[in-house]
Every structure is written in C-alpha cells, then in structure tokens.
Protein backbone atom coordinates (compact mmCIF):
# COMPACT_ATOMS: atom_id res chain seq x y z
CA GLY A 1 0.00 0.00 0.00
CA GLY A 2 0.83 3.66 -0.17
CA GLY A 3 2.68 3.36 -3.46
CA ARG A 4 5.76 1.89 -1.80
CA VAL A 5 7.63 -0.83 -3.68
CA LYS A 6 7.21 -4.24 -2.04
CA HIS A 7 10.03 -6.74 -1.82
CA VAL A 8 9.05 -10.41 -1.84
CA VAL A 9 11.63 -13.19 -1.57
CA ILE A 10 10.83 -16.52 -3.21
CA ASP A 11 12.68 -19.34 -1.42
CA THR A 12 15.55 -18.91 0.99
CA GLY A 13 18.03 -21.64 0.11
CA LYS A 14 21.39 -22.18 1.76
CA THR A 15 23.00 -19.41 -0.33
CA PHE A 16 20.32 -16.83 0.55
CA LYS A 17 22.53 -14.82 2.91
CA ARG A 18 25.37 -14.49 0.41
CA ALA A 19 22.96 -13.52 -2.37
CA ALA A 20 21.11 -11.02 -0.15
CA CYS A 21 24.37 -9.38 0.96
CA ARG A 22 25.37 -9.00 -2.67
CA PHE A 23 22.12 -8.05 -4.39
CA PHE A 24 20.00 -6.25 -1.77
CA PRO A 25 22.36 -3.24 -1.50
CA MET A 26 22.89 -3.22 -5.27
CA HIS A 27 19.13 -2.85 -5.80
CA GLY A 28 18.32 -0.68 -2.79
CA VAL A 29 16.43 -3.40 -0.91
CA ARG A 30 16.32 -2.33 2.75
CA ASN A 31 13.60 -4.67 3.95
CA VAL A 32 11.70 -7.78 2.91
CA ASP A 33 7.92 -7.52 2.98
CA ALA A 34 7.12 -11.22 2.56
CA VAL A 35 8.63 -14.63 1.84
CA ILE A 36 7.13 -17.35 -0.33
CA LEU A 37 8.51 -20.85 0.21
CA THR A 38 7.70 -23.14 -2.70
CA HIS A 39 8.58 -26.41 -0.95
CA GLU A 40 10.32 -27.84 2.10
CA HIS A 41 13.61 -29.02 0.58
CA ALA A 42 16.96 -27.53 1.62
CA ASP A 43 17.25 -25.51 -1.60
CA ALA A 44 14.14 -23.57 -0.56
CA ILE A 45 14.34 -23.24 3.24
CA LEU A 46 17.88 -23.61 4.63
CA GLY A 47 18.48 -19.85 4.53
CA LEU A 48 15.27 -19.07 6.40
CA ASP A 49 17.16 -18.45 9.64
CA ASP A 50 19.22 -15.79 7.83
CA MET A 51 16.03 -13.82 7.13
CA ARG A 52 16.30 -12.53 10.70
CA GLU A 53 19.30 -10.48 9.58
CA THR A 54 17.12 -8.54 7.14
CA LYS A 55 15.35 -6.93 10.12
CA PRO A 56 16.76 -3.69 11.57
CA TRP A 57 18.59 -4.00 14.88
CA GLY A 58 21.27 -2.24 16.86
CA LYS A 59 22.98 -1.93 20.22
CA ASN A 60 19.85 -0.43 21.76
CA TRP A 61 17.49 -3.01 20.28
CA ARG A 62 15.33 -3.00 23.42
CA GLU A 63 14.54 0.67 22.76
CA MET A 64 13.63 0.15 19.11
CA PRO A 65 9.96 0.02 18.13
CA LYS A 66 8.61 -3.52 17.91
CA ILE A 67 9.10 -4.76 14.38
CA PRO A 68 6.40 -7.12 13.13
CA PRO A 69 7.50 -10.52 11.82
CA THR A 70 7.89 -10.97 8.09
CA PRO A 71 4.93 -12.89 6.66
CA VAL A 72 5.93 -16.28 5.26
CA TYR A 73 3.65 -18.11 2.84
CA CYS A 74 4.00 -21.84 2.28
CA SER A 75 2.10 -25.11 2.08
CA LYS A 76 0.90 -26.97 5.15
CA GLU A 77 3.59 -29.62 4.53
CA THR A 78 6.33 -27.02 4.30
CA TYR A 79 5.09 -25.34 7.48
CA ALA A 80 5.20 -28.66 9.37
CA HIS A 81 8.76 -29.23 8.16
CA ILE A 82 9.84 -25.73 9.21
CA GLU A 83 8.36 -26.35 12.67
CA ARG A 84 10.71 -29.35 13.00
CA VAL A 85 13.83 -27.76 11.47
CA PHE A 86 13.49 -24.20 12.87
CA PRO A 87 11.21 -24.48 15.93
CA TYR A 88 12.55 -21.17 17.29
CA LEU A 89 11.27 -19.33 14.19
CA VAL A 90 7.69 -20.55 14.49
CA LYS A 91 5.25 -18.86 16.85
CA LYS A 92 3.55 -21.42 19.04
CA PRO A 93 -0.22 -20.87 18.93
CA GLN A 94 -1.92 -20.06 22.22
CA LYS A 95 -4.65 -22.40 23.40
CA GLY A 96 -7.61 -21.97 21.08
CA GLU A 97 -5.59 -19.93 18.54
CA VAL A 98 -5.53 -21.28 14.99
CA VAL A 99 -2.53 -21.09 12.67
CA ARG A 100 -3.80 -19.23 9.63
CA MET A 101 -3.45 -21.27 6.46
CA VAL A 102 -4.25 -19.85 3.05
C-alpha cells in the first residue's frame, strides 16, 4: 500500500545470505515484505534463519519500536517441516488460537 515498492523473496536456500548481501544493497532493498517458500527441501528453506538479519537492529534493540514478523507463505507440509527444522522461528499458537493457512 501507499505506493511503496514491495520486496518479496521466493525461497531462501542455503545461499540466501550471500545472495542477499550482494544483491540487496545493489538494488536498494532495505527490507523484505514477505517470503514465499515453494517447498520444504533444503534448496528452498535452509536460509530461512538468515532472514532474521534482514530486520533492523542495533545496540539499543530494546529501545527500538517492535518490528512485526515478516509474513511467510508456504504449504501446510512445508510449514510442518519448518516447525521441526526451525522451531525457534515458528510462533507457538496459544490455546484456542488457529494457525492461519491460506
């Protein structure tokens, strides 16, 4: 919205961090608005942990405004795999809360 360019990453394989460090600055990408994961294999998800480095942070991170998580879109099967591989990246639903699936 608001006429701002959106940046969507499709798959975050094991070379994601190296590619992001090279191409994001070259193209003026300062944030990622969403991630689409096409499947659960290593070539699509192993760089998912590195997505955390695309969020702003600093020495006084406790004083920074709360930054919302980056939306990640994937299949139910891919989500289940990510829960096993990266449990610390997946928000645990509260009792009665439903994980939104599209």
